[in-house]
Amino acid sequence: MNLYEFNTLDLNEKAEAVWRGTFLADREADGLVIQLYILSGCYVELFYDRAANKIKDFHAFTNKQLLAPYLAQSKFPL
């Protein structure tokens, strides 16, 4: 599924597509847990509100520069 196909889906369809993807990493920002997944044609961030136990939004992208917040948190052994 490419970026444009993903963006045409409704919230429930996006969630189903993400569950079929591969989880890569997560981080926290602005009180939300942001999980990063890769689908066949794009990366997708899932924005989850723990307090409300609810998915708030999705953000799909192909620009690898947007992976920087996840790489900054990674700890690679030297």
PDB file of N, CA and C in Angstrom:
ATOM      1  N   MET A   1       0.856  -1.173   0.000  1.00  0.00           N
ATOM      2  CA  MET A   1       0.000   0.000   0.000  1.00  0.00           C
ATOM      3  C   MET A   1       0.898   1.231   0.000  1.00  0.00           C
ATOM      4  N   ASN A   2       0.634   2.131  -0.924  1.00  0.00           N
ATOM      5  CA  ASN A   2       1.457   3.328  -0.981  1.00  0.00           C
ATOM      6  C   ASN A   2       0.855   4.460  -0.148  1.00  0.00           C
ATOM      7  N   LEU A   3       1.581   5.544  -0.077  1.00  0.00           N
ATOM      8  CA  LEU A   3       1.194   6.691   0.732  1.00  0.00           C
ATOM      9  C   LEU A   3      -0.192   7.220   0.345  1.00  0.00           C
ATOM     10  N   TYR A   4      -0.421   7.354  -0.929  1.00  0.00           N
ATOM     11  CA  TYR A   4      -1.688   7.931  -1.390  1.00  0.00           C
ATOM     12  C   TYR A   4      -2.871   7.011  -1.101  1.00  0.00           C
ATOM     13  N   GLU A   5      -2.669   5.717  -1.276  1.00  0.00           N
ATOM     14  CA  GLU A   5      -3.725   4.754  -0.953  1.00  0.00           C
ATOM     15  C   GLU A   5      -4.039   4.796   0.545  1.00  0.00           C
ATOM     16  N   PHE A   6      -3.005   4.842   1.365  1.00  0.00           N
ATOM     17  CA  PHE A   6      -3.204   4.885   2.812  1.00  0.00           C
ATOM     18  C   PHE A   6      -4.005   6.119   3.217  1.00  0.00           C
ATOM     19  N   ASN A   7      -3.665   7.252   2.642  1.00  0.00           N
ATOM     20  CA  ASN A   7      -4.325   8.507   3.021  1.00  0.00           C
ATOM     21  C   ASN A   7      -5.794   8.567   2.628  1.00  0.00           C
ATOM     22  N   THR A   8      -6.234   7.717   1.719  1.00  0.00           N
ATOM     23  CA  THR A   8      -7.650   7.704   1.334  1.00  0.00           C
ATOM     24  C   THR A   8      -8.514   6.864   2.272  1.00  0.00           C
ATOM     25  N   LEU A   9      -7.880   6.095   3.153  1.00  0.00           N
ATOM     26  CA  LEU A   9      -8.616   5.214   4.063  1.00  0.00           C
ATOM     27  C   LEU A   9      -9.227   5.991   5.218  1.00  0.00           C
ATOM     28  N   ASP A  10     -10.320   5.442   5.790  1.00  0.00           N
ATOM     29  CA  ASP A  10     -10.863   6.041   7.007  1.00  0.00           C
ATOM     30  C   ASP A  10     -10.047   5.541   8.198  1.00  0.00           C
ATOM     31  N   LEU A  11     -10.318   6.053   9.380  1.00  0.00           N
ATOM     32  CA  LEU A  11      -9.520   5.753  10.570  1.00  0.00           C
ATOM     33  C   LEU A  11      -9.447   4.256  10.866  1.00  0.00           C
ATOM     34  N   ASN A  12     -10.568   3.548  10.785  1.00  0.00           N
ATOM     35  CA  ASN A  12     -10.570   2.104  11.058  1.00  0.00           C
ATOM     36  C   ASN A  12      -9.770   1.334  10.020  1.00  0.00           C
ATOM     37  N   GLU A  13      -9.889   1.722   8.761  1.00  0.00           N
ATOM     38  CA  GLU A  13      -9.129   1.057   7.704  1.00  0.00           C
ATOM     39  C   GLU A  13      -7.635   1.320   7.851  1.00  0.00           C
ATOM     40  N   LYS A  14      -7.289   2.530   8.278  1.00  0.00           N
ATOM     41  CA  LYS A  14      -5.878   2.843   8.522  1.00  0.00           C
ATOM     42  C   LYS A  14      -5.329   1.968   9.637  1.00  0.00           C
ATOM     43  N   ALA A  15      -6.103   1.795  10.705  1.00  0.00           N
ATOM     44  CA  ALA A  15      -5.663   0.944  11.822  1.00  0.00           C
ATOM     45  C   ALA A  15      -5.432  -0.486  11.341  1.00  0.00           C
ATOM     46  N   GLU A  16      -6.340  -1.013  10.536  1.00  0.00           N
ATOM     47  CA  GLU A  16      -6.187  -2.374  10.010  1.00  0.00           C
ATOM     48  C   GLU A  16      -4.939  -2.486   9.141  1.00  0.00           C
ATOM     49  N   ALA A  17      -4.685  -1.485   8.317  1.00  0.00           N
ATOM     50  CA  ALA A  17      -3.504  -1.498   7.457  1.00  0.00           C
ATOM     51  C   ALA A  17      -2.224  -1.470   8.290  1.00  0.00           C
ATOM     52  N   VAL A  18      -2.216  -0.660   9.330  1.00  0.00           N
ATOM     53  CA  VAL A  18      -1.029  -0.556  10.192  1.00  0.00           C
ATOM     54  C   VAL A  18      -0.771  -1.873  10.908  1.00  0.00           C
ATOM     55  N   TRP A  19      -1.806  -2.542  11.384  1.00  0.00           N
ATOM     56  CA  TRP A  19      -1.616  -3.820  12.091  1.00  0.00           C
ATOM     57  C   TRP A  19      -0.995  -4.863  11.171  1.00  0.00           C
ATOM     58  N   ARG A  20      -1.199  -4.716   9.865  1.00  0.00           N
ATOM     59  CA  ARG A  20      -0.589  -5.645   8.903  1.00  0.00           C
ATOM     60  C   ARG A  20       0.844  -5.239   8.558  1.00  0.00           C
ATOM     61  N   GLY A  21       1.242  -4.050   8.969  1.00  0.00           N
ATOM     62  CA  GLY A  21       2.595  -3.573   8.716  1.00  0.00           C
ATOM     63  C   GLY A  21       3.565  -4.132   9.740  1.00  0.00           C
ATOM     64  N   THR A  22       4.769  -3.602   9.730  1.00  0.00           N
ATOM     65  CA  THR A  22       5.817  -4.037  10.651  1.00  0.00           C
ATOM     66  C   THR A  22       6.163  -2.907  11.603  1.00  0.00           C
ATOM     67  N   PHE A  23       6.077  -3.198  12.896  1.00  0.00           N
ATOM     68  CA  PHE A  23       6.422  -2.221  13.927  1.00  0.00           C
ATOM     69  C   PHE A  23       7.932  -1.997  13.910  1.00  0.00           C
ATOM     70  N   LEU A  24       8.345  -0.708  13.959  1.00  0.00           N
ATOM     71  CA  LEU A  24       9.765  -0.382  13.954  1.00  0.00           C
ATOM     72  C   LEU A  24      10.262   0.222  15.256  1.00  0.00           C
ATOM     73  N   ALA A  25       9.497   1.152  15.819  1.00  0.00           N
ATOM     74  CA  ALA A  25       9.974   1.874  17.005  1.00  0.00           C
ATOM     75  C   ALA A  25       8.821   2.669  17.602  1.00  0.00           C
ATOM     76  N   ASP A  26       9.078   3.204  18.787  1.00  0.00           N
ATOM     77  CA  ASP A  26       8.099   4.121  19.370  1.00  0.00           C
ATOM     78  C   ASP A  26       8.829   5.225  20.131  1.00  0.00           C
ATOM     79  N   ARG A  27       8.079   6.263  20.417  1.00  0.00           N
ATOM     80  CA  ARG A  27       8.601   7.396  21.176  1.00  0.00           C
ATOM     81  C   ARG A  27       7.420   8.074  21.837  1.00  0.00           C
ATOM     82  N   GLU A  28       7.706   9.011  22.732  1.00  0.00           N
ATOM     83  CA  GLU A  28       6.649   9.790  23.376  1.00  0.00           C
ATOM     84  C   GLU A  28       6.847  11.259  23.083  1.00  0.00           C
ATOM     85  N   ALA A  29       5.745  11.952  22.842  1.00  0.00           N
ATOM     86  CA  ALA A  29       5.781  13.391  22.590  1.00  0.00           C
ATOM     87  C   ALA A  29       4.399  13.970  22.871  1.00  0.00           C
ATOM     88  N   ASP A  30       4.379  15.107  23.514  1.00  0.00           N
ATOM     89  CA  ASP A  30       3.134  15.827  23.798  1.00  0.00           C
ATOM     90  C   ASP A  30       2.089  14.945  24.483  1.00  0.00           C
ATOM     91  N   GLY A  31       2.543  14.073  25.385  1.00  0.00           N
ATOM     92  CA  GLY A  31       1.635  13.219  26.132  1.00  0.00           C
ATOM     93  C   GLY A  31       1.079  12.041  25.347  1.00  0.00           C
ATOM     94  N   LEU A  32       1.589  11.813  24.137  1.00  0.00           N
ATOM     95  CA  LEU A  32       1.123  10.709  23.308  1.00  0.00           C
ATOM     96  C   LEU A  32       2.255   9.717  23.067  1.00  0.00           C
ATOM     97  N   VAL A  33       1.880   8.466  22.867  1.00  0.00           N
ATOM     98  CA  VAL A  33       2.819   7.460  22.408  1.00  0.00           C
ATOM     99  C   VAL A  33       2.711   7.456  20.886  1.00  0.00           C
ATOM    100  N   ILE A  34       3.840   7.563  20.213  1.00  0.00           N
ATOM    101  CA  ILE A  34       3.855   7.574  18.757  1.00  0.00           C
ATOM    102  C   ILE A  34       4.613   6.338  18.307  1.00  0.00           C
ATOM    103  N   GLN A  35       3.899   5.451  17.635  1.00  0.00           N
ATOM    104  CA  GLN A  35       4.487   4.207  17.167  1.00  0.00           C
ATOM    105  C   GLN A  35       4.754   4.307  15.673  1.00  0.00           C
ATOM    106  N   LEU A  36       5.908   3.832  15.259  1.00  0.00           N
ATOM    107  CA  LEU A  36       6.307   3.876  13.860  1.00  0.00           C
ATOM    108  C   LEU A  36       6.196   2.483  13.246  1.00  0.00           C
ATOM    109  N   TYR A  37       5.496   2.416  12.121  1.00  0.00           N
ATOM    110  CA  TYR A  37       5.335   1.182  11.367  1.00  0.00           C
ATOM    111  C   TYR A  37       5.805   1.412   9.943  1.00  0.00           C
ATOM    112  N   ILE A  38       6.177   0.329   9.277  1.00  0.00           N
ATOM    113  CA  ILE A  38       6.472   0.406   7.855  1.00  0.00           C
ATOM    114  C   ILE A  38       5.478  -0.487   7.116  1.00  0.00           C
ATOM    115  N   LEU A  39       4.894   0.080   6.080  1.00  0.00           N
ATOM    116  CA  LEU A  39       4.033  -0.674   5.168  1.00  0.00           C
ATOM    117  C   LEU A  39       4.843  -0.890   3.896  1.00  0.00           C
ATOM    118  N   SER A  40       4.271  -1.473   2.906  1.00  0.00           N
ATOM    119  CA  SER A  40       5.051  -1.782   1.699  1.00  0.00           C
ATOM    120  C   SER A  40       5.518  -0.536   0.960  1.00  0.00           C
ATOM    121  N   GLY A  41       4.791   0.581   1.062  1.00  0.00           N
ATOM    122  CA  GLY A  41       5.182   1.760   0.299  1.00  0.00           C
ATOM    123  C   GLY A  41       5.365   3.031   1.093  1.00  0.00           C
ATOM    124  N   CYS A  42       5.312   2.942   2.429  1.00  0.00           N
ATOM    125  CA  CYS A  42       5.453   4.160   3.234  1.00  0.00           C
ATOM    126  C   CYS A  42       5.666   3.807   4.706  1.00  0.00           C
ATOM    127  N   TYR A  43       6.046   4.825   5.461  1.00  0.00           N
ATOM    128  CA  TYR A  43       6.112   4.734   6.917  1.00  0.00           C
ATOM    129  C   TYR A  43       4.834   5.341   7.467  1.00  0.00           C
ATOM    130  N   VAL A  44       4.374   4.843   8.619  1.00  0.00           N
ATOM    131  CA  VAL A  44       3.171   5.388   9.247  1.00  0.00           C
ATOM    132  C   VAL A  44       3.420   5.564  10.738  1.00  0.00           C
ATOM    133  N   GLU A  45       3.111   6.744  11.232  1.00  0.00           N
ATOM    134  CA  GLU A  45       3.119   6.993  12.671  1.00  0.00           C
ATOM    135  C   GLU A  45       1.692   6.871  13.184  1.00  0.00           C
ATOM    136  N   LEU A  46       1.536   6.127  14.258  1.00  0.00           N
ATOM    137  CA  LEU A  46       0.263   5.971  14.937  1.00  0.00           C
ATOM    138  C   LEU A  46       0.353   6.771  16.229  1.00  0.00           C
ATOM    139  N   PHE A  47      -0.556   7.710  16.430  1.00  0.00           N
ATOM    140  CA  PHE A  47      -0.571   8.567  17.615  1.00  0.00           C
ATOM    141  C   PHE A  47      -1.609   8.013  18.584  1.00  0.00           C
ATOM    142  N   TYR A  48      -1.126   7.556  19.744  1.00  0.00           N
ATOM    143  CA  TYR A  48      -1.979   6.884  20.731  1.00  0.00           C
ATOM    144  C   TYR A  48      -1.998   7.657  22.039  1.00  0.00           C
ATOM    145  N   ASP A  49      -3.196   7.905  22.540  1.00  0.00           N
ATOM    146  CA  ASP A  49      -3.390   8.578  23.824  1.00  0.00           C
ATOM    147  C   ASP A  49      -3.652   7.508  24.880  1.00  0.00           C
ATOM    148  N   ARG A  50      -2.666   7.272  25.755  1.00  0.00           N
ATOM    149  CA  ARG A  50      -2.817   6.247  26.796  1.00  0.00           C
ATOM    150  C   ARG A  50      -3.945   6.564  27.759  1.00  0.00           C
ATOM    151  N   ALA A  51      -4.037   7.832  28.167  1.00  0.00           N
ATOM    152  CA  ALA A  51      -5.049   8.218  29.160  1.00  0.00           C
ATOM    153  C   ALA A  51      -6.455   7.938  28.650  1.00  0.00           C
ATOM    154  N   ALA A  52      -6.697   8.211  27.387  1.00  0.00           N
ATOM    155  CA  ALA A  52      -8.014   7.984  26.791  1.00  0.00           C
ATOM    156  C   ALA A  52      -8.133   6.586  26.185  1.00  0.00           C
ATOM    157  N   ASN A  53      -6.995   5.854  26.120  1.00  0.00           N
ATOM    158  CA  ASN A  53      -6.957   4.535  25.491  1.00  0.00           C
ATOM    159  C   ASN A  53      -7.555   4.589  24.087  1.00  0.00           C
ATOM    160  N   LYS A  54      -7.027   5.542  23.300  1.00  0.00           N
ATOM    161  CA  LYS A  54      -7.612   5.784  21.983  1.00  0.00           C
ATOM    162  C   LYS A  54      -6.540   6.205  20.987  1.00  0.00           C
ATOM    163  N   ILE A  55      -6.674   5.706  19.763  1.00  0.00           N
ATOM    164  CA  ILE A  55      -5.824   6.176  18.669  1.00  0.00           C
ATOM    165  C   ILE A  55      -6.345   7.541  18.259  1.00  0.00           C
ATOM    166  N   LYS A  56      -5.444   8.521  18.240  1.00  0.00           N
ATOM    167  CA  LYS A  56      -5.825   9.895  17.908  1.00  0.00           C
ATOM    168  C   LYS A  56      -5.673  10.194  16.428  1.00  0.00           C
ATOM    169  N   ASP A  57      -4.616   9.653  15.802  1.00  0.00           N
ATOM    170  CA  ASP A  57      -4.364  10.029  14.416  1.00  0.00           C
ATOM    171  C   ASP A  57      -3.303   9.115  13.825  1.00  0.00           C
ATOM    172  N   PHE A  58      -3.127   9.248  12.523  1.00  0.00           N
ATOM    173  CA  PHE A  58      -2.071   8.574  11.783  1.00  0.00           C
ATOM    174  C   PHE A  58      -1.375   9.619  10.923  1.00  0.00           C
ATOM    175  N   HIS A  59      -0.091   9.412  10.689  1.00  0.00           N
ATOM    176  CA  HIS A  59       0.655  10.278   9.780  1.00  0.00           C
ATOM    177  C   HIS A  59       1.516   9.379   8.906  1.00  0.00           C
ATOM    178  N   ALA A  60       1.220   9.357   7.609  1.00  0.00           N
ATOM    179  CA  ALA A  60       1.978   8.537   6.667  1.00  0.00           C
ATOM    180  C   ALA A  60       2.965   9.420   5.926  1.00  0.00           C
ATOM    181  N   PHE A  61       4.157   8.852   5.641  1.00  0.00           N
ATOM    182  CA  PHE A  61       5.176   9.627   4.935  1.00  0.00           C
ATOM    183  C   PHE A  61       6.168   8.697   4.249  1.00  0.00           C
ATOM    184  N   THR A  62       6.911   9.261   3.316  1.00  0.00           N
ATOM    185  CA  THR A  62       7.969   8.516   2.633  1.00  0.00           C
ATOM    186  C   THR A  62       9.333   9.170   2.841  1.00  0.00           C
ATOM    187  N   ASN A  63       9.351  10.392   3.323  1.00  0.00           N
ATOM    188  CA  ASN A  63      10.588  11.148   3.531  1.00  0.00           C
ATOM    189  C   ASN A  63      11.369  10.544   4.708  1.00  0.00           C
ATOM    190  N   LYS A  64      12.513   9.962   4.437  1.00  0.00           N
ATOM    191  CA  LYS A  64      13.295   9.289   5.482  1.00  0.00           C
ATOM    192  C   LYS A  64      13.860  10.254   6.512  1.00  0.00           C
ATOM    193  N   GLN A  65      13.910  11.536   6.210  1.00  0.00           N
ATOM    194  CA  GLN A  65      14.368  12.517   7.195  1.00  0.00           C
ATOM    195  C   GLN A  65      13.408  12.583   8.392  1.00  0.00           C
ATOM    196  N   LEU A  66      12.162  12.188   8.187  1.00  0.00           N
ATOM    197  CA  LEU A  66      11.194  12.198   9.282  1.00  0.00           C
ATOM    198  C   LEU A  66      11.408  11.050  10.262  1.00  0.00           C
ATOM    199  N   LEU A  67      12.369  10.192   9.981  1.00  0.00           N
ATOM    200  CA  LEU A  67      12.727   9.113  10.904  1.00  0.00           C
ATOM    201  C   LEU A  67      13.677   9.586  12.000  1.00  0.00           C
ATOM    202  N   ALA A  68      14.199  10.786  11.876  1.00  0.00           N
ATOM    203  CA  ALA A  68      15.204  11.311  12.805  1.00  0.00           C
ATOM    204  C   ALA A  68      14.801  11.216  14.276  1.00  0.00           C
ATOM    205  N   PRO A  69      13.558  11.537  14.672  1.00  0.00           N
ATOM    206  CA  PRO A  69      13.218  11.438  16.101  1.00  0.00           C
ATOM    207  C   PRO A  69      13.371  10.018  16.656  1.00  0.00           C
ATOM    208  N   TYR A  70      13.189   9.022  15.814  1.00  0.00           N
ATOM    209  CA  TYR A  70      13.335   7.634  16.264  1.00  0.00           C
ATOM    210  C   TYR A  70      14.805   7.242  16.331  1.00  0.00           C
ATOM    211  N   LEU A  71      15.583   7.689  15.380  1.00  0.00           N
ATOM    212  CA  LEU A  71      17.003   7.379  15.375  1.00  0.00           C
ATOM    213  C   LEU A  71      17.718   8.044  16.534  1.00  0.00           C
ATOM    214  N   ALA A  72      17.264   9.224  16.917  1.00  0.00           N
ATOM    215  CA  ALA A  72      17.876   9.946  18.041  1.00  0.00           C
ATOM    216  C   ALA A  72      17.702   9.165  19.343  1.00  0.00           C
ATOM    217  N   GLN A  73      16.659   8.385  19.460  1.00  0.00           N
ATOM    218  CA  GLN A  73      16.383   7.624  20.678  1.00  0.00           C
ATOM    219  C   GLN A  73      17.010   6.243  20.670  1.00  0.00           C
ATOM    220  N   SER A  74      17.474   5.801  19.515  1.00  0.00           N
ATOM    221  CA  SER A  74      18.042   4.456  19.393  1.00  0.00           C
ATOM    222  C   SER A  74      19.399   4.387  20.070  1.00  0.00           C
ATOM    223  N   LYS A  75      19.661   3.252  20.656  1.00  0.00           N
ATOM    224  CA  LYS A  75      20.948   3.027  21.309  1.00  0.00           C
ATOM    225  C   LYS A  75      21.611   1.851  20.609  1.00  0.00           C
ATOM    226  N   PHE A  76      22.576   2.170  19.782  1.00  0.00           N
ATOM    227  CA  PHE A  76      23.293   1.140  19.072  1.00  0.00           C
ATOM    228  C   PHE A  76      24.601   0.844  19.798  1.00  0.00           C
ATOM    229  N   PRO A  77      24.929  -0.410  20.004  1.00  0.00           N
ATOM    230  CA  PRO A  77      26.216  -0.737  20.634  1.00  0.00           C
ATOM    231  C   PRO A  77      27.367  -0.367  19.700  1.00  0.00           C
ATOM    232  N   LEU A  78      28.416   0.123  20.291  1.00  0.00           N
ATOM    233  CA  LEU A  78      29.589   0.503  19.492  1.00  0.00           C
ATOM    234  C   LEU A  78      30.565  -0.643  19.395  1.00  0.00           C
TER     235      LEU A  78
END
